[in-house]
Amino acid sequence: MTETGGVGTSVRLEDLGDWRRTHTCGELTRAEANAKATLMGWVHRVRDHGGVLFVDLRDRHGITQVVFRPSCAGLR
């Protein structure tokens, strides 16, 4: 897949295969805290609070805060 990146240029975009977003950032509510969701966007900010990471994921619809422990995710 390619996208025009201005006059006379093109940028190759990575294929996401069968990944499909289930929600947009900012759409999830507290009631869906333990539900499975697929979000797509970019990392706006990361805060490390001593073993707990807070990641602000942003897309054109808003921001969703993702909270996880790297030790549980196998990152540390």
PDB file of N, CA and C in Angstrom:
ATOM      1  N   MET A   1       0.856  -1.171   0.000  1.00  0.00           N
ATOM      2  CA  MET A   1       0.000   0.000   0.000  1.00  0.00           C
ATOM      3  C   MET A   1       0.895   1.224   0.000  1.00  0.00           C
ATOM      4  N   THR A   2       0.571   2.197  -0.800  1.00  0.00           N
ATOM      5  CA  THR A   2       1.327   3.445  -0.816  1.00  0.00           C
ATOM      6  C   THR A   2       0.383   4.616  -0.657  1.00  0.00           C
ATOM      7  N   GLU A   3       0.915   5.700  -0.176  1.00  0.00           N
ATOM      8  CA  GLU A   3       0.143   6.924  -0.001  1.00  0.00           C
ATOM      9  C   GLU A   3       0.978   8.071  -0.532  1.00  0.00           C
ATOM     10  N   THR A   4       0.339   8.983  -1.220  1.00  0.00           N
ATOM     11  CA  THR A   4       1.061  10.134  -1.759  1.00  0.00           C
ATOM     12  C   THR A   4       1.499  11.025  -0.613  1.00  0.00           C
ATOM     13  N   GLY A   5       2.773  11.361  -0.589  1.00  0.00           N
ATOM     14  CA  GLY A   5       3.337  12.179   0.475  1.00  0.00           C
ATOM     15  C   GLY A   5       3.732  13.562  -0.002  1.00  0.00           C
ATOM     16  N   GLY A   6       3.005  14.134  -0.903  1.00  0.00           N
ATOM     17  CA  GLY A   6       3.331  15.460  -1.420  1.00  0.00           C
ATOM     18  C   GLY A   6       3.539  15.399  -2.916  1.00  0.00           C
ATOM     19  N   VAL A   7       4.076  16.437  -3.473  1.00  0.00           N
ATOM     20  CA  VAL A   7       4.272  16.525  -4.907  1.00  0.00           C
ATOM     21  C   VAL A   7       5.388  15.579  -5.348  1.00  0.00           C
ATOM     22  N   GLY A   8       5.051  14.589  -6.173  1.00  0.00           N
ATOM     23  CA  GLY A   8       6.037  13.697  -6.748  1.00  0.00           C
ATOM     24  C   GLY A   8       6.674  12.701  -5.796  1.00  0.00           C
ATOM     25  N   THR A   9       6.169  12.533  -4.581  1.00  0.00           N
ATOM     26  CA  THR A   9       6.744  11.571  -3.642  1.00  0.00           C
ATOM     27  C   THR A   9       5.673  10.583  -3.196  1.00  0.00           C
ATOM     28  N   SER A  10       6.110   9.413  -2.772  1.00  0.00           N
ATOM     29  CA  SER A  10       5.191   8.440  -2.195  1.00  0.00           C
ATOM     30  C   SER A  10       5.870   7.764  -1.016  1.00  0.00           C
ATOM     31  N   VAL A  11       5.072   7.306  -0.089  1.00  0.00           N
ATOM     32  CA  VAL A  11       5.559   6.670   1.123  1.00  0.00           C
ATOM     33  C   VAL A  11       4.984   5.266   1.179  1.00  0.00           C
ATOM     34  N   ARG A  12       5.802   4.262   1.456  1.00  0.00           N
ATOM     35  CA  ARG A  12       5.332   2.881   1.584  1.00  0.00           C
ATOM     36  C   ARG A  12       4.783   2.679   2.987  1.00  0.00           C
ATOM     37  N   LEU A  13       3.518   2.278   3.078  1.00  0.00           N
ATOM     38  CA  LEU A  13       2.883   2.021   4.359  1.00  0.00           C
ATOM     39  C   LEU A  13       2.937   0.537   4.675  1.00  0.00           C
ATOM     40  N   GLU A  14       3.144   0.200   5.935  1.00  0.00           N
ATOM     41  CA  GLU A  14       3.220  -1.188   6.361  1.00  0.00           C
ATOM     42  C   GLU A  14       1.844  -1.830   6.297  1.00  0.00           C
ATOM     43  N   ASP A  15       1.775  -3.049   5.787  1.00  0.00           N
ATOM     44  CA  ASP A  15       0.532  -3.807   5.723  1.00  0.00           C
ATOM     45  C   ASP A  15       0.188  -4.321   7.120  1.00  0.00           C
ATOM     46  N   LEU A  16      -1.030  -4.120   7.551  1.00  0.00           N
ATOM     47  CA  LEU A  16      -1.455  -4.547   8.888  1.00  0.00           C
ATOM     48  C   LEU A  16      -2.123  -5.911   8.883  1.00  0.00           C
ATOM     49  N   GLY A  17      -2.104  -6.592   7.746  1.00  0.00           N
ATOM     50  CA  GLY A  17      -2.676  -7.931   7.665  1.00  0.00           C
ATOM     51  C   GLY A  17      -4.157  -7.930   7.993  1.00  0.00           C
ATOM     52  N   ASP A  18      -4.555  -8.810   8.905  1.00  0.00           N
ATOM     53  CA  ASP A  18      -5.975  -8.909   9.259  1.00  0.00           C
ATOM     54  C   ASP A  18      -6.340  -8.116  10.513  1.00  0.00           C
ATOM     55  N   TRP A  19      -5.437  -7.266  10.986  1.00  0.00           N
ATOM     56  CA  TRP A  19      -5.747  -6.428  12.146  1.00  0.00           C
ATOM     57  C   TRP A  19      -6.841  -5.435  11.797  1.00  0.00           C
ATOM     58  N   ARG A  20      -7.828  -5.321  12.660  1.00  0.00           N
ATOM     59  CA  ARG A  20      -8.905  -4.352  12.486  1.00  0.00           C
ATOM     60  C   ARG A  20      -9.169  -3.690  13.822  1.00  0.00           C
ATOM     61  N   ARG A  21      -9.329  -2.396  13.826  1.00  0.00           N
ATOM     62  CA  ARG A  21      -9.617  -1.674  15.068  1.00  0.00           C
ATOM     63  C   ARG A  21     -11.053  -1.982  15.493  1.00  0.00           C
ATOM     64  N   THR A  22     -11.257  -2.174  16.804  1.00  0.00           N
ATOM     65  CA  THR A  22     -12.603  -2.407  17.326  1.00  0.00           C
ATOM     66  C   THR A  22     -13.190  -1.142  17.929  1.00  0.00           C
ATOM     67  N   HIS A  23     -12.324  -0.229  18.341  1.00  0.00           N
ATOM     68  CA  HIS A  23     -12.752   1.031  18.950  1.00  0.00           C
ATOM     69  C   HIS A  23     -11.788   2.130  18.531  1.00  0.00           C
ATOM     70  N   THR A  24     -12.211   3.364  18.648  1.00  0.00           N
ATOM     71  CA  THR A  24     -11.314   4.489  18.452  1.00  0.00           C
ATOM     72  C   THR A  24     -10.848   4.976  19.818  1.00  0.00           C
ATOM     73  N   CYS A  25      -9.739   5.689  19.845  1.00  0.00           N
ATOM     74  CA  CYS A  25      -9.237   6.231  21.106  1.00  0.00           C
ATOM     75  C   CYS A  25     -10.233   7.254  21.642  1.00  0.00           C
ATOM     76  N   GLY A  26     -10.473   7.208  22.916  1.00  0.00           N
ATOM     77  CA  GLY A  26     -11.437   8.098  23.538  1.00  0.00           C
ATOM     78  C   GLY A  26     -12.838   7.529  23.578  1.00  0.00           C
ATOM     79  N   GLU A  27     -13.072   6.417  22.892  1.00  0.00           N
ATOM     80  CA  GLU A  27     -14.412   5.817  22.818  1.00  0.00           C
ATOM     81  C   GLU A  27     -14.685   4.863  23.974  1.00  0.00           C
ATOM     82  N   LEU A  28     -13.648   4.224  24.510  1.00  0.00           N
ATOM     83  CA  LEU A  28     -13.839   3.237  25.574  1.00  0.00           C
ATOM     84  C   LEU A  28     -14.267   3.914  26.872  1.00  0.00           C
ATOM     85  N   THR A  29     -15.081   3.213  27.646  1.00  0.00           N
ATOM     86  CA  THR A  29     -15.541   3.727  28.930  1.00  0.00           C
ATOM     87  C   THR A  29     -15.055   2.818  30.053  1.00  0.00           C
ATOM     88  N   ARG A  30     -15.255   3.243  31.273  1.00  0.00           N
ATOM     89  CA  ARG A  30     -14.852   2.457  32.440  1.00  0.00           C
ATOM     90  C   ARG A  30     -15.548   1.087  32.459  1.00  0.00           C
ATOM     91  N   ALA A  31     -16.761   1.010  31.940  1.00  0.00           N
ATOM     92  CA  ALA A  31     -17.508  -0.249  31.908  1.00  0.00           C
ATOM     93  C   ALA A  31     -16.805  -1.304  31.053  1.00  0.00           C
ATOM     94  N   GLU A  32     -15.960  -0.876  30.130  1.00  0.00           N
ATOM     95  CA  GLU A  32     -15.248  -1.788  29.239  1.00  0.00           C
ATOM     96  C   GLU A  32     -13.803  -2.027  29.676  1.00  0.00           C
ATOM     97  N   ALA A  33     -13.487  -1.744  30.928  1.00  0.00           N
ATOM     98  CA  ALA A  33     -12.106  -1.807  31.425  1.00  0.00           C
ATOM     99  C   ALA A  33     -11.477  -3.185  31.273  1.00  0.00           C
ATOM    100  N   ASN A  34     -12.199  -4.258  31.410  1.00  0.00           N
ATOM    101  CA  ASN A  34     -11.622  -5.598  31.307  1.00  0.00           C
ATOM    102  C   ASN A  34     -11.955  -6.284  29.990  1.00  0.00           C
ATOM    103  N   ALA A  35     -12.565  -5.570  29.073  1.00  0.00           N
ATOM    104  CA  ALA A  35     -12.923  -6.141  27.775  1.00  0.00           C
ATOM    105  C   ALA A  35     -11.729  -6.077  26.828  1.00  0.00           C
ATOM    106  N   LYS A  36     -11.703  -6.970  25.857  1.00  0.00           N
ATOM    107  CA  LYS A  36     -10.656  -6.968  24.844  1.00  0.00           C
ATOM    108  C   LYS A  36     -10.987  -5.897  23.803  1.00  0.00           C
ATOM    109  N   ALA A  37      -9.981  -5.104  23.434  1.00  0.00           N
ATOM    110  CA  ALA A  37     -10.170  -4.041  22.449  1.00  0.00           C
ATOM    111  C   ALA A  37      -8.913  -3.925  21.603  1.00  0.00           C
ATOM    112  N   THR A  38      -9.083  -3.592  20.341  1.00  0.00           N
ATOM    113  CA  THR A  38      -7.966  -3.330  19.455  1.00  0.00           C
ATOM    114  C   THR A  38      -8.023  -1.863  19.056  1.00  0.00           C
ATOM    115  N   LEU A  39      -6.978  -1.122  19.446  1.00  0.00           N
ATOM    116  CA  LEU A  39      -6.875   0.299  19.127  1.00  0.00           C
ATOM    117  C   LEU A  39      -5.720   0.503  18.168  1.00  0.00           C
ATOM    118  N   MET A  40      -5.805   1.527  17.356  1.00  0.00           N
ATOM    119  CA  MET A  40      -4.706   1.877  16.458  1.00  0.00           C
ATOM    120  C   MET A  40      -4.464   3.368  16.563  1.00  0.00           C
ATOM    121  N   GLY A  41      -3.197   3.724  16.682  1.00  0.00           N
ATOM    122  CA  GLY A  41      -2.838   5.126  16.806  1.00  0.00           C
ATOM    123  C   GLY A  41      -1.352   5.233  17.035  1.00  0.00           C
ATOM    124  N   TRP A  42      -0.942   6.295  17.681  1.00  0.00           N
ATOM    125  CA  TRP A  42       0.468   6.487  17.984  1.00  0.00           C
ATOM    126  C   TRP A  42       0.610   6.834  19.463  1.00  0.00           C
ATOM    127  N   VAL A  43       1.790   6.567  20.002  1.00  0.00           N
ATOM    128  CA  VAL A  43       2.056   6.842  21.413  1.00  0.00           C
ATOM    129  C   VAL A  43       2.307   8.337  21.567  1.00  0.00           C
ATOM    130  N   HIS A  44       1.461   8.967  22.335  1.00  0.00           N
ATOM    131  CA  HIS A  44       1.566  10.403  22.578  1.00  0.00           C
ATOM    132  C   HIS A  44       2.499  10.694  23.751  1.00  0.00           C
ATOM    133  N   ARG A  45       2.400   9.889  24.810  1.00  0.00           N
ATOM    134  CA  ARG A  45       3.206  10.110  26.014  1.00  0.00           C
ATOM    135  C   ARG A  45       3.323   8.791  26.788  1.00  0.00           C
ATOM    136  N   VAL A  46       4.477   8.585  27.419  1.00  0.00           N
ATOM    137  CA  VAL A  46       4.702   7.425  28.288  1.00  0.00           C
ATOM    138  C   VAL A  46       5.194   7.926  29.625  1.00  0.00           C
ATOM    139  N   ARG A  47       4.593   7.412  30.714  1.00  0.00           N
ATOM    140  CA  ARG A  47       5.036   7.753  32.064  1.00  0.00           C
ATOM    141  C   ARG A  47       5.295   6.459  32.825  1.00  0.00           C
ATOM    142  N   ASP A  48       6.495   6.348  33.398  1.00  0.00           N
ATOM    143  CA  ASP A  48       6.885   5.176  34.176  1.00  0.00           C
ATOM    144  C   ASP A  48       6.819   5.540  35.645  1.00  0.00           C
ATOM    145  N   HIS A  49       5.929   4.876  36.363  1.00  0.00           N
ATOM    146  CA  HIS A  49       5.755   5.145  37.790  1.00  0.00           C
ATOM    147  C   HIS A  49       6.222   3.947  38.609  1.00  0.00           C
ATOM    148  N   GLY A  50       7.474   3.587  38.428  1.00  0.00           N
ATOM    149  CA  GLY A  50       8.082   2.533  39.235  1.00  0.00           C
ATOM    150  C   GLY A  50       7.417   1.187  39.098  1.00  0.00           C
ATOM    151  N   GLY A  51       7.421   0.632  37.921  1.00  0.00           N
ATOM    152  CA  GLY A  51       6.858  -0.694  37.713  1.00  0.00           C
ATOM    153  C   GLY A  51       5.483  -0.681  37.062  1.00  0.00           C
ATOM    154  N   VAL A  52       4.892   0.471  36.906  1.00  0.00           N
ATOM    155  CA  VAL A  52       3.622   0.602  36.202  1.00  0.00           C
ATOM    156  C   VAL A  52       3.809   1.654  35.110  1.00  0.00           C
ATOM    157  N   LEU A  53       3.479   1.286  33.871  1.00  0.00           N
ATOM    158  CA  LEU A  53       3.598   2.218  32.752  1.00  0.00           C
ATOM    159  C   LEU A  53       2.223   2.758  32.383  1.00  0.00           C
ATOM    160  N   PHE A  54       2.164   4.055  32.162  1.00  0.00           N
ATOM    161  CA  PHE A  54       0.964   4.721  31.672  1.00  0.00           C
ATOM    162  C   PHE A  54       1.295   5.212  30.270  1.00  0.00           C
ATOM    163  N   VAL A  55       0.601   4.698  29.276  1.00  0.00           N
ATOM    164  CA  VAL A  55       0.839   5.049  27.883  1.00  0.00           C
ATOM    165  C   VAL A  55      -0.406   5.752  27.347  1.00  0.00           C
ATOM    166  N   ASP A  56      -0.236   6.957  26.853  1.00  0.00           N
ATOM    167  CA  ASP A  56      -1.340   7.679  26.217  1.00  0.00           C
ATOM    168  C   ASP A  56      -1.280   7.367  24.729  1.00  0.00           C
ATOM    169  N   LEU A  57      -2.284   6.620  24.259  1.00  0.00           N
ATOM    170  CA  LEU A  57      -2.388   6.263  22.849  1.00  0.00           C
ATOM    171  C   LEU A  57      -3.349   7.232  22.186  1.00  0.00           C
ATOM    172  N   ARG A  58      -2.939   7.827  21.076  1.00  0.00           N
ATOM    173  CA  ARG A  58      -3.744   8.876  20.430  1.00  0.00           C
ATOM    174  C   ARG A  58      -4.082   8.476  18.992  1.00  0.00           C
ATOM    175  N   ASP A  59      -5.281   8.821  18.575  1.00  0.00           N
ATOM    176  CA  ASP A  59      -5.653   8.781  17.171  1.00  0.00           C
ATOM    177  C   ASP A  59      -6.429  10.054  16.871  1.00  0.00           C
ATOM    178  N   ARG A  60      -6.991  10.176  15.689  1.00  0.00           N
ATOM    179  CA  ARG A  60      -7.666  11.430  15.337  1.00  0.00           C
ATOM    180  C   ARG A  60      -8.955  11.663  16.111  1.00  0.00           C
ATOM    181  N   HIS A  61      -9.413  10.643  16.861  1.00  0.00           N
ATOM    182  CA  HIS A  61     -10.660  10.755  17.620  1.00  0.00           C
ATOM    183  C   HIS A  61     -10.444  11.131  19.080  1.00  0.00           C
ATOM    184  N   GLY A  62      -9.233  10.942  19.602  1.00  0.00           N
ATOM    185  CA  GLY A  62      -8.976  11.271  21.000  1.00  0.00           C
ATOM    186  C   GLY A  62      -7.795  10.511  21.562  1.00  0.00           C
ATOM    187  N   ILE A  63      -7.779  10.377  22.898  1.00  0.00           N
ATOM    188  CA  ILE A  63      -6.679   9.717  23.604  1.00  0.00           C
ATOM    189  C   ILE A  63      -7.250   8.657  24.538  1.00  0.00           C
ATOM    190  N   THR A  64      -6.582   7.510  24.590  1.00  0.00           N
ATOM    191  CA  THR A  64      -6.911   6.454  25.536  1.00  0.00           C
ATOM    192  C   THR A  64      -5.662   6.148  26.349  1.00  0.00           C
ATOM    193  N   GLN A  65      -5.812   6.074  27.667  1.00  0.00           N
ATOM    194  CA  GLN A  65      -4.678   5.734  28.520  1.00  0.00           C
ATOM    195  C   GLN A  65      -4.643   4.216  28.714  1.00  0.00           C
ATOM    196  N   VAL A  66      -3.489   3.638  28.395  1.00  0.00           N
ATOM    197  CA  VAL A  66      -3.269   2.207  28.569  1.00  0.00           C
ATOM    198  C   VAL A  66      -2.324   2.047  29.753  1.00  0.00           C
ATOM    199  N   VAL A  67      -2.696   1.207  30.710  1.00  0.00           N
ATOM    200  CA  VAL A  67      -1.902   1.001  31.920  1.00  0.00           C
ATOM    201  C   VAL A  67      -1.505  -0.461  31.986  1.00  0.00           C
ATOM    202  N   PHE A  68      -0.206  -0.718  32.168  1.00  0.00           N
ATOM    203  CA  PHE A  68       0.229  -2.111  32.328  1.00  0.00           C
ATOM    204  C   PHE A  68       1.523  -2.179  33.103  1.00  0.00           C
ATOM    205  N   ARG A  69       1.793  -3.371  33.583  1.00  0.00           N
ATOM    206  CA  ARG A  69       3.029  -3.663  34.309  1.00  0.00           C
ATOM    207  C   ARG A  69       3.975  -4.406  33.379  1.00  0.00           C
ATOM    208  N   PRO A  70       5.119  -3.822  33.059  1.00  0.00           N
ATOM    209  CA  PRO A  70       6.065  -4.476  32.150  1.00  0.00           C
ATOM    210  C   PRO A  70       6.494  -5.860  32.612  1.00  0.00           C
ATOM    211  N   SER A  71       6.575  -6.073  33.920  1.00  0.00           N
ATOM    212  CA  SER A  71       6.978  -7.391  34.408  1.00  0.00           C
ATOM    213  C   SER A  71       5.953  -8.455  34.067  1.00  0.00           C
ATOM    214  N   CYS A  72       4.680  -8.105  34.011  1.00  0.00           N
ATOM    215  CA  CYS A  72       3.624  -9.047  33.654  1.00  0.00           C
ATOM    216  C   CYS A  72       3.558  -9.256  32.140  1.00  0.00           C
ATOM    217  N   ALA A  73       4.006  -8.264  31.379  1.00  0.00           N
ATOM    218  CA  ALA A  73       3.972  -8.338  29.913  1.00  0.00           C
ATOM    219  C   ALA A  73       5.259  -8.938  29.351  1.00  0.00           C
ATOM    220  N   GLY A  74       6.209  -9.323  30.235  1.00  0.00           N
ATOM    221  CA  GLY A  74       7.469  -9.904  29.800  1.00  0.00           C
ATOM    222  C   GLY A  74       8.444  -8.900  29.210  1.00  0.00           C
ATOM    223  N   LEU A  75       8.313  -7.616  29.586  1.00  0.00           N
ATOM    224  CA  LEU A  75       9.194  -6.589  29.044  1.00  0.00           C
ATOM    225  C   LEU A  75      10.381  -6.289  29.945  1.00  0.00           C
ATOM    226  N   ARG A  76      10.346  -6.702  31.187  1.00  0.00           N
ATOM    227  CA  ARG A  76      11.475  -6.444  32.096  1.00  0.00           C
ATOM    228  C   ARG A  76      11.819  -7.670  32.862  1.00  0.00           C
TER     229      ARG A  76
END
